[in-house]
């Protein structure tokens, strides 16, 4: 992949967190501890991420705000029951040019690599990161591999500033209505991104 392949980046959040996100930004796990928020993360996955160090830095994974290349991924699939109360924030791809940003080749809770954008992005396969489906009933190992790649991450030190948020996707009119109660950011329904 190259920069031109990345039109925007994504963050899956509860609509109830949008007010604080627009004030504070999309915070790293460690930064988010200081404010009240609802978490949709799986605790088992957070336990795997907690003590993971980023090679070549003195930082841990939880010191980074995490974004996805493609929000149509296993994380959003696992939250399909919350479609009315979650949204996908659209993030300007200019965050890729910020100092200290890291790219992973799959979900960072796994055994993955961490590389600067200039090194990591060319190693990612567009066809796998943006594949519509990752299921492969004939080959469970391949399915596991593709599932991880669909959740490849962009890690931004400490936080993504509110100014990088360019819009929002919602699953349905209920989500749009819930979102309109907390923000005037541009939001549109994108059914193809969500799961039902």
Protein backbone atom coordinates (compact mmCIF):
# COMPACT_ATOMS: atom_id res chain seq x y z
CA UNK A 1 0.00 0.00 0.00
CA UNK A 2 0.99 3.61 -0.33
CA UNK A 3 -0.28 6.89 1.09
CA UNK A 4 -2.64 7.40 -1.86
CA UNK A 5 -4.44 4.15 -0.94
CA UNK A 6 -5.40 5.57 2.47
CA UNK A 7 -8.26 8.02 1.88
CA UNK A 8 -9.07 8.27 5.59
CA UNK A 9 -8.62 6.34 8.82
CA UNK A 10 -11.23 5.18 11.34
CA UNK A 11 -12.00 4.89 15.01
CA UNK A 12 -14.99 2.90 16.33
CA UNK A 13 -16.49 4.59 19.38
CA UNK A 14 -19.64 4.72 21.49
CA UNK A 15 -21.71 7.77 20.59
CA UNK A 16 -21.76 8.62 24.30
CA UNK A 17 -17.99 9.33 24.12
CA UNK A 18 -18.22 11.82 21.26
CA UNK A 19 -18.57 14.92 23.48
CA UNK A 20 -15.32 14.17 25.33
CA UNK A 21 -13.58 13.12 22.10
CA UNK A 22 -14.42 16.48 20.51
CA UNK A 23 -12.98 18.18 23.60
CA UNK A 24 -9.94 15.97 24.34
CA UNK A 25 -9.31 14.03 21.13
CA UNK A 26 -9.14 10.28 20.57
CA UNK A 27 -7.03 9.30 23.56
CA UNK A 28 -4.61 6.47 24.16
CA UNK A 29 -5.79 3.86 26.65
CA UNK A 30 -3.55 5.35 29.33
CA UNK A 31 -4.71 8.92 28.67
CA UNK A 32 -8.37 7.86 28.64
CA UNK A 33 -8.09 6.61 32.22
CA UNK A 34 -8.30 10.18 33.49
CA UNK A 35 -11.75 10.90 32.05
CA UNK A 36 -15.11 9.18 32.28
CA UNK A 37 -15.87 7.16 29.15
CA UNK A 38 -17.65 4.04 27.97
CA UNK A 39 -15.40 1.29 26.62
CA UNK A 40 -16.39 -1.17 23.91
CA UNK A 41 -13.02 -2.92 24.05
CA UNK A 42 -12.76 -6.58 25.01
CA UNK A 43 -10.97 -6.86 28.35
CA UNK A 44 -9.15 -10.02 27.24
CA UNK A 45 -7.66 -8.12 24.29
CA UNK A 46 -6.74 -5.13 26.48
CA UNK A 47 -4.93 -7.49 28.84
CA UNK A 48 -2.81 -8.67 25.90
CA UNK A 49 -2.08 -5.08 24.87
CA UNK A 50 -1.36 -3.71 28.34
CA UNK A 51 2.32 -4.62 28.75
CA UNK A 52 3.30 -4.64 25.09
CA UNK A 53 6.28 -2.39 24.39
CA UNK A 54 6.75 -0.64 21.05
CA UNK A 55 10.22 -1.59 19.75
CA UNK A 56 12.66 1.30 19.43
CA UNK A 57 10.71 3.48 21.88
CA UNK A 58 10.24 3.74 25.62
CA UNK A 59 6.47 3.57 25.12
CA UNK A 60 3.87 0.87 25.57
CA UNK A 61 1.00 0.09 23.21
CA UNK A 62 -1.43 1.70 25.65
CA UNK A 63 0.44 5.00 25.20
CA UNK A 64 -0.93 5.24 21.64
CA UNK A 65 -4.36 6.08 20.28
CA UNK A 66 -5.27 3.39 17.77
CA UNK A 67 -6.99 3.82 14.41
CA UNK A 68 -7.95 1.35 11.68
CA UNK A 69 -7.28 1.46 7.96
CA UNK A 70 -10.66 -0.20 7.42
CA UNK A 71 -13.49 -0.06 9.96
CA UNK A 72 -15.36 -2.88 8.15
CA UNK A 73 -13.42 -5.34 10.28
CA UNK A 74 -13.80 -8.01 13.00
CA UNK A 75 -13.99 -5.38 15.76
CA UNK A 76 -17.01 -3.68 14.18
CA UNK A 77 -18.51 -7.09 13.37
CA UNK A 78 -18.26 -8.07 17.04
CA UNK A 79 -20.17 -4.89 17.98
CA UNK A 80 -23.06 -5.36 15.53
CA UNK A 81 -25.52 -5.55 18.42
CA UNK A 82 -24.59 -1.97 19.33
CA UNK A 83 -25.18 -0.43 15.88
CA UNK A 84 -27.69 2.06 17.33
CA UNK A 85 -25.23 3.38 19.91
CA UNK A 86 -21.84 3.35 18.18
CA UNK A 87 -20.34 5.28 15.29
CA UNK A 88 -17.21 5.31 13.18
CA UNK A 89 -15.17 8.50 13.30
CA UNK A 90 -13.53 9.43 10.01
CA UNK A 91 -9.97 10.65 10.53
CA UNK A 92 -7.98 12.76 8.10
CA UNK A 93 -5.13 10.75 6.63
CA UNK A 94 -2.72 13.59 7.47
CA UNK A 95 -2.19 11.87 10.84
CA UNK A 96 0.09 9.50 8.93
CA UNK A 97 2.57 12.37 8.69
CA UNK A 98 2.69 13.15 12.42
CA UNK A 99 5.86 12.44 14.38
CA UNK A 100 6.10 9.04 16.02
CA UNK A 101 3.16 7.41 14.22
CA UNK A 102 3.48 3.62 13.96
CA UNK A 103 1.84 1.12 11.59
CA UNK A 104 1.13 -2.52 12.44
CA UNK A 105 0.56 -5.41 10.03
CA UNK A 106 -2.41 -6.75 12.04
CA UNK A 107 -4.28 -6.26 15.30
CA UNK A 108 -1.63 -5.04 17.72
CA UNK A 109 -2.74 -7.50 20.41
CA UNK A 110 -1.20 -10.22 18.25
CA UNK A 111 2.40 -11.09 17.43
CA UNK A 112 2.81 -8.29 14.90
CA UNK A 113 5.41 -5.85 13.71
CA UNK A 114 5.51 -2.14 14.56
CA UNK A 115 7.08 0.14 11.96
CA UNK A 116 7.20 3.83 11.09
CA UNK A 117 4.68 4.73 8.37
CA UNK A 118 7.34 5.06 5.66
CA UNK A 119 8.57 1.50 6.31
CA UNK A 120 5.35 -0.25 7.27
CA UNK A 121 2.80 1.05 4.80
CA UNK A 122 4.53 -0.40 1.69
CA UNK A 123 4.56 -3.84 3.37
CA UNK A 124 0.77 -3.96 3.73
CA UNK A 125 -1.30 -5.55 0.96
CA UNK A 126 -4.23 -3.36 -0.02
CA UNK A 127 -6.23 -6.39 -1.17
CA UNK A 128 -5.97 -7.98 2.29
CA UNK A 129 -6.41 -4.90 4.49
CA UNK A 130 -9.47 -3.78 2.51
CA UNK A 131 -10.86 -7.23 1.72
CA UNK A 132 -14.63 -7.36 2.12
CA UNK A 133 -14.50 -10.71 3.92
CA UNK A 134 -11.90 -12.53 5.99
CA UNK A 135 -13.78 -15.78 6.61
CA UNK A 136 -12.27 -18.97 5.20
CA UNK A 137 -14.00 -22.08 6.51
CA UNK A 138 -11.69 -24.35 4.49
CA UNK A 139 -8.52 -22.99 6.08
CA UNK A 140 -8.83 -21.84 9.73
CA UNK A 141 -5.20 -20.65 9.84
CA UNK A 142 -5.73 -18.44 6.78
CA UNK A 143 -8.93 -17.09 8.32
CA UNK A 144 -7.04 -16.26 11.51
CA UNK A 145 -4.32 -14.49 9.51
CA UNK A 146 -6.80 -12.46 7.44
CA UNK A 147 -8.83 -11.55 10.52
CA UNK A 148 -5.73 -10.01 12.08
CA UNK A 149 -4.78 -8.13 8.91
CA UNK A 150 -8.27 -6.62 8.65
CA UNK A 151 -7.51 -4.96 12.00
CA UNK A 152 -4.11 -3.53 11.00
CA UNK A 153 -3.61 -0.36 13.02
CA UNK A 154 -2.23 3.14 12.88
CA UNK A 155 -0.88 4.08 16.31
CA UNK A 156 -0.68 7.77 17.19
CA UNK A 157 1.30 8.80 20.28
CA UNK A 158 -0.91 9.97 23.17
CA UNK A 159 -3.92 11.24 21.19
CA UNK A 160 -5.48 12.16 17.87
CA UNK A 161 -6.51 15.81 18.04
CA UNK A 162 -10.17 16.68 17.46
CA UNK A 163 -9.14 18.77 14.43
CA UNK A 164 -8.25 15.54 12.59
CA UNK A 165 -11.86 14.27 12.77
CA UNK A 166 -13.50 15.02 9.41
CA UNK A 167 -16.85 13.28 9.77
CA UNK A 168 -18.73 10.27 11.02
CA UNK A 169 -20.44 7.15 9.70
CA UNK A 170 -23.47 5.62 11.37
CA UNK A 171 -25.23 2.32 10.79
CA UNK A 172 -28.83 3.55 10.66
CA UNK A 173 -31.27 6.39 11.34
CA UNK A 174 -31.37 5.55 15.05
CA UNK A 175 -27.60 6.01 15.31
CA UNK A 176 -27.86 9.26 13.36
CA UNK A 177 -30.56 10.49 15.76
CA UNK A 178 -28.49 9.52 18.80
CA UNK A 179 -25.43 11.22 17.33
CA UNK A 180 -27.35 14.44 16.56
CA UNK A 181 -28.09 14.73 20.29
CA UNK A 182 -24.36 15.17 21.05
CA UNK A 183 -22.73 16.72 17.96
CA UNK A 184 -23.22 18.67 14.74
CA UNK A 185 -20.31 16.95 12.97
CA UNK A 186 -21.19 15.72 9.48
CA UNK A 187 -22.61 12.19 9.76
CA UNK A 188 -23.98 9.86 7.13
CA UNK A 189 -25.37 6.36 7.05
CA UNK A 190 -22.94 3.86 5.54
CA UNK A 191 -24.69 0.53 5.76
CA UNK A 192 -21.97 -1.27 3.80
CA UNK A 193 -19.45 -0.54 6.56
CA UNK A 194 -21.52 -2.05 9.36
CA UNK A 195 -22.69 -5.60 10.06
CA UNK A 196 -26.23 -6.86 10.61
